[in-house]
Protein backbone atom coordinates (compact mmCIF):
# COMPACT_ATOMS: atom_id res chain seq x y z
CA ARG A 1 -14.72 -52.52 -3.87
CA GLY A 2 -12.97 -49.99 -6.07
CA PHE A 3 -16.10 -48.42 -7.59
CA PRO A 4 -15.82 -44.64 -7.99
CA SER A 5 -17.78 -42.89 -5.23
CA SER A 6 -19.32 -40.58 -7.80
CA ARG A 7 -21.22 -43.58 -9.19
CA LEU A 8 -23.47 -43.60 -6.12
CA ASP A 9 -25.28 -40.43 -7.14
CA ALA A 10 -25.29 -41.51 -10.78
CA CYS A 11 -26.92 -44.84 -9.89
CA VAL A 12 -29.60 -43.18 -7.78
CA ARG A 13 -30.38 -40.77 -10.61
CA LYS A 14 -30.55 -43.67 -13.07
CA PHE A 15 -32.40 -46.31 -11.07
CA GLY A 16 -34.00 -44.48 -8.14
CA VAL A 17 -33.92 -45.31 -4.44
CA HIS A 18 -34.24 -49.05 -5.08
CA VAL A 19 -30.80 -49.25 -6.68
CA PRO A 20 -29.27 -51.29 -3.77
CA LYS A 21 -31.80 -54.10 -4.24
CA ARG A 22 -31.40 -53.98 -8.01
CA VAL A 23 -27.61 -54.17 -7.87
CA ARG A 24 -27.64 -56.98 -5.30
CA ARG A 25 -30.00 -58.95 -7.52
CA ASP A 26 -28.00 -58.26 -10.69
CA PRO A 27 -24.68 -56.39 -10.45
CA PHE A 28 -24.34 -56.55 -14.24
CA THR A 29 -26.96 -53.81 -14.36
CA LEU A 30 -24.06 -51.40 -13.78
CA LEU A 31 -22.11 -52.78 -16.73
CA LEU A 32 -25.01 -52.95 -19.17
CA HIS A 33 -25.96 -49.33 -18.43
CA LYS A 34 -22.30 -48.34 -19.03
CA MET A 35 -21.74 -46.75 -15.65
CA PRO A 36 -18.17 -45.33 -15.70
CA GLY A 37 -15.75 -47.35 -13.60
CA CYS A 38 -18.01 -50.41 -13.69
CA GLY A 39 -16.15 -52.76 -16.01
CA PHE A 40 -16.62 -56.51 -16.28
CA LEU A 41 -13.93 -57.62 -13.82
CA ARG A 42 -15.04 -55.27 -11.06
CA VAL A 43 -18.73 -56.03 -11.53
CA ASP A 44 -18.16 -59.77 -11.89
CA SER A 45 -16.12 -59.78 -8.68
CA LEU A 46 -19.10 -58.23 -6.89
CA TYR A 47 -21.40 -60.78 -8.57
CA GLN A 48 -19.31 -63.67 -7.26
CA ASP A 49 -18.98 -62.18 -3.76
CA LEU A 50 -22.75 -62.01 -3.58
CA GLY A 51 -22.88 -65.76 -4.17
CA LEU A 52 -24.85 -65.53 -7.41
CA PRO A 53 -24.72 -68.54 -9.80
CA LEU A 54 -21.67 -68.56 -12.07
CA ASP A 55 -23.50 -70.49 -14.79
CA ARG A 56 -26.44 -68.10 -14.97
CA LEU A 57 -27.31 -67.58 -18.63
CA LYS A 58 -27.11 -63.79 -18.46
CA ARG A 59 -23.61 -63.98 -17.01
CA GLN A 60 -22.59 -66.40 -19.75
CA ALA A 61 -23.89 -63.98 -22.40
CA ILE A 62 -21.87 -61.15 -20.88
CA CYS A 63 -18.82 -63.41 -20.65
CA VAL A 64 -19.11 -64.06 -24.41
CA TRP A 65 -18.82 -60.30 -24.93
CA HIS A 66 -16.04 -59.94 -22.35
CA VAL A 67 -13.66 -62.58 -23.74
CA MET A 68 -13.60 -60.79 -27.11
CA ARG A 69 -13.59 -57.30 -25.63
CA SER A 70 -10.56 -58.11 -23.47
CA ASP A 71 -8.55 -59.84 -26.22
CA MET A 72 -5.42 -57.87 -27.13
CA SER A 73 -4.62 -59.50 -30.47
CA GLY A 74 -6.27 -56.72 -32.46
CA SER A 75 -8.79 -59.11 -34.04
CA VAL A 76 -12.41 -58.11 -34.60
CA TRP A 77 -13.91 -61.52 -35.44
CA PHE A 78 -13.28 -64.72 -33.49
CA LYS A 79 -14.11 -68.33 -34.31
CA ARG A 80 -16.92 -69.81 -32.27
CA GLU A 81 -14.63 -72.58 -30.95
CA TRP A 82 -12.26 -69.97 -29.51
CA VAL A 83 -15.11 -68.12 -27.80
CA GLU A 84 -16.54 -71.35 -26.40
CA LYS A 85 -13.17 -72.38 -24.96
CA ARG A 86 -12.68 -69.01 -23.27
CA LEU A 87 -16.26 -69.08 -22.01
CA SER A 88 -15.71 -72.47 -20.35
CA GLU A 89 -12.80 -70.94 -18.39
CA LEU A 90 -15.13 -68.38 -16.79
CA VAL A 91 -18.22 -70.48 -16.20
CA ASN A 92 -18.30 -72.91 -13.29
CA GLY A 93 -21.07 -75.22 -14.40
CA ARG A 94 -22.86 -76.15 -17.62
CA VAL A 95 -21.78 -73.95 -20.51
CA ARG A 96 -24.71 -73.05 -22.76
CA THR A 97 -22.89 -71.46 -25.67
CA ASP A 98 -25.81 -71.40 -28.13
CA LYS A 99 -28.20 -69.71 -25.73
CA ALA A 100 -25.54 -67.37 -24.36
CA ILE A 101 -24.59 -66.15 -27.84
CA ALA A 102 -28.26 -65.81 -28.82
CA MET A 103 -28.96 -63.70 -25.72
CA ALA A 104 -25.90 -61.52 -26.39
CA VAL A 105 -27.04 -61.02 -29.99
CA ARG A 106 -30.53 -59.96 -28.85
CA ALA A 107 -28.91 -57.46 -26.50
CA ARG A 108 -26.79 -56.19 -29.42
CA MET A 109 -23.64 -56.91 -27.42
CA VAL A 110 -22.30 -59.27 -30.09
CA GLU A 111 -22.83 -60.08 -33.77
CA THR A 112 -22.30 -63.33 -35.66
CA LYS A 113 -21.66 -64.30 -39.26
CA VAL A 114 -20.94 -67.52 -41.15
CA VAL A 115 -18.19 -67.58 -43.78
CA ASN A 116 -17.54 -70.78 -45.73
CA GLY A 117 -19.34 -72.77 -43.09
CA VAL A 118 -17.34 -71.27 -40.20
CA GLU A 119 -19.16 -69.23 -37.56
CA TRP A 120 -17.45 -66.01 -36.46
CA ILE A 121 -18.37 -63.77 -33.53
CA ALA A 122 -17.51 -60.14 -32.74
CA THR A 123 -18.55 -57.59 -30.18
CA GLY A 124 -21.38 -55.44 -31.47
CA ASP A 125 -19.36 -52.24 -31.19
CA ASP A 126 -16.39 -53.66 -33.12
CA ALA A 127 -18.59 -55.10 -35.86
CA ARG A 128 -20.43 -51.79 -36.29
CA ASP A 129 -17.17 -49.83 -36.26
CA GLU A 130 -15.73 -52.15 -38.91
CA ARG A 131 -18.73 -51.55 -41.18
CA ASP A 132 -18.41 -47.78 -40.70
CA VAL A 133 -14.70 -47.85 -41.56
CA ALA A 134 -15.35 -50.01 -44.64
CA LYS A 135 -18.11 -47.66 -45.78
CA HIS A 136 -15.91 -44.58 -45.49
CA LEU A 137 -12.95 -46.28 -47.16
CA GLU A 138 -15.19 -47.29 -50.05
CA ARG A 139 -16.46 -43.71 -50.35
CA ILE A 140 -12.91 -42.32 -50.40
CA ILE A 141 -11.65 -44.85 -52.94
CA GLU A 142 -14.64 -44.42 -55.25
CA GLY A 143 -14.21 -40.65 -55.06
CA SER A 144 -10.71 -40.86 -56.47
CA HIS A 145 -10.52 -41.20 -60.26
CA ARG A 146 -6.74 -41.57 -60.38
CA THR A 147 -4.52 -44.53 -59.70
CA ASP A 148 -2.25 -42.27 -57.67
CA ALA A 149 -4.23 -39.90 -55.46
CA ALA A 150 -3.32 -36.24 -55.68
CA GLY A 151 -1.65 -34.93 -52.58
CA TRP A 152 0.94 -37.58 -51.78
CA VAL A 153 4.45 -36.19 -51.63
CA ASP A 154 7.33 -37.32 -53.82
CA LEU A 155 9.55 -39.57 -51.73
CA THR A 156 12.57 -38.67 -53.82
CA GLU A 157 12.60 -35.50 -51.75
CA ILE A 158 13.87 -37.58 -48.83
CA ALA A 159 17.63 -37.16 -48.75
CA ALA A 160 19.77 -40.13 -49.76
CA ASP A 161 21.60 -40.02 -46.43
CA ASP A 162 18.34 -40.07 -44.42
CA PRO A 163 18.34 -42.97 -41.91
CA ILE A 164 15.18 -44.43 -43.50
CA SER A 165 16.05 -47.78 -45.14
CA GLU A 166 15.36 -48.82 -48.73
CA HIS A 167 12.84 -51.36 -47.45
CA GLN A 168 10.99 -48.61 -45.58
CA ARG A 169 11.07 -46.33 -48.63
CA HIS A 170 9.59 -49.14 -50.69
CA GLY A 171 6.86 -49.65 -48.09
CA LEU A 172 5.93 -45.97 -48.29
CA GLU A 173 5.88 -46.04 -52.09
CA ARG A 174 3.51 -49.01 -52.04
CA ALA A 175 1.31 -47.32 -49.43
CA LYS A 176 0.67 -44.25 -51.57
CA VAL A 177 -0.38 -45.81 -54.87
CA SER A 178 -4.05 -44.90 -54.27
CA SER A 179 -6.17 -42.52 -52.27
CA VAL A 180 -6.00 -44.82 -49.25
CA GLY A 181 -2.59 -45.99 -48.08
CA LEU A 182 -1.86 -48.98 -45.88
CA LEU A 183 1.51 -49.33 -44.17
CA THR A 184 1.94 -52.63 -42.32
CA GLY A 185 4.68 -54.41 -40.43
CA LEU A 186 5.58 -56.14 -37.19
CA PRO A 187 6.27 -54.11 -34.03
CA GLY A 188 9.61 -52.34 -34.21
CA THR A 189 9.95 -52.42 -38.00
CA GLY A 190 9.71 -48.63 -38.25
CA LYS A 191 6.15 -47.92 -39.36
CA SER A 192 5.82 -44.76 -37.25
CA PHE A 193 9.39 -43.74 -38.14
CA SER A 194 8.72 -44.16 -41.88
CA LEU A 195 5.32 -42.48 -41.80
CA ALA A 196 6.88 -39.46 -40.09
CA ARG A 197 9.03 -38.93 -43.20
CA LEU A 198 5.84 -38.64 -45.25
CA VAL A 199 3.94 -36.45 -42.80
CA GLN A 200 6.86 -34.05 -42.36
CA ARG A 201 6.60 -33.13 -46.04
CA LEU A 202 2.88 -32.35 -45.97
CA PRO A 203 1.47 -28.92 -45.01
CA MET A 204 0.43 -29.12 -41.38
CA ASP A 205 -3.04 -27.77 -42.13
CA ARG A 206 -3.66 -30.92 -44.20
CA VAL A 207 -2.69 -33.44 -41.51
CA ALA A 208 -4.87 -35.05 -38.85
CA LEU A 209 -3.27 -37.73 -36.73
CA ALA A 210 -4.97 -40.44 -34.69
CA ALA A 211 -2.81 -43.03 -32.92
CA PRO A 212 -4.35 -44.68 -29.86
CA THR A 213 -1.53 -46.88 -28.57
CA GLY A 214 2.20 -47.31 -28.18
CA ARG A 215 4.94 -44.85 -29.06
CA ALA A 216 2.87 -43.38 -31.91
CA GLY A 217 0.01 -42.67 -29.51
CA ASN A 218 2.28 -40.96 -27.01
CA GLY A 219 3.80 -38.86 -29.76
CA SER A 220 0.43 -37.88 -31.21
CA ARG A 221 -0.77 -36.64 -27.84
CA ARG A 222 2.36 -34.55 -27.28
CA ASP A 223 2.90 -33.22 -30.78
CA ARG A 224 -0.53 -33.13 -32.39
CA PRO A 225 -0.44 -30.85 -35.43
CA ARG A 226 -3.08 -28.16 -35.44
CA GLY A 227 -5.48 -27.53 -38.24
């Protein structure tokens, strides 16, 4: 079924000799215990092949988590209506959104919040990561007592004939007005290209680069600066 063979020993160590019965009764045990190679699609395929009910409440709760986890828009929080619509596409039977969300919240798989009367839902990991990022950004900003943080380079050092455009120069100038810079733009507008002009003028022992996806991610893995 595509499960890594190494998971057999791991499952026996985790659950004991009764693991076959446990997995047949509830394949999502593998997912909830974060067994490597046991993602939602693979485990859910096994669940369906075993003829287990598609509208089971536990499966619906896990589907609530899955539809957000698999979304590629980059969003952290999703409106309840969006989650409910996606949930109905995966559940063959009566959709019990309220109970499914409540079960997922109890399991700490998802979190909810209400803003201006609108209910929003996020995976538990994303919501916790967002709070951590916000906390650290607040600490960094509060630790800076200047409007322009020390350490940014002077962009006038970039040669006039450099291929970076005036629009990109302006974006960099706006990004470095405080201790935390934010450079935004649609795909292909030159964010990585522009940022490279800034990084190239910083001492390499002061640079740490994290870029998980796309061309920037490939470049960071090949050319990670040391220090």
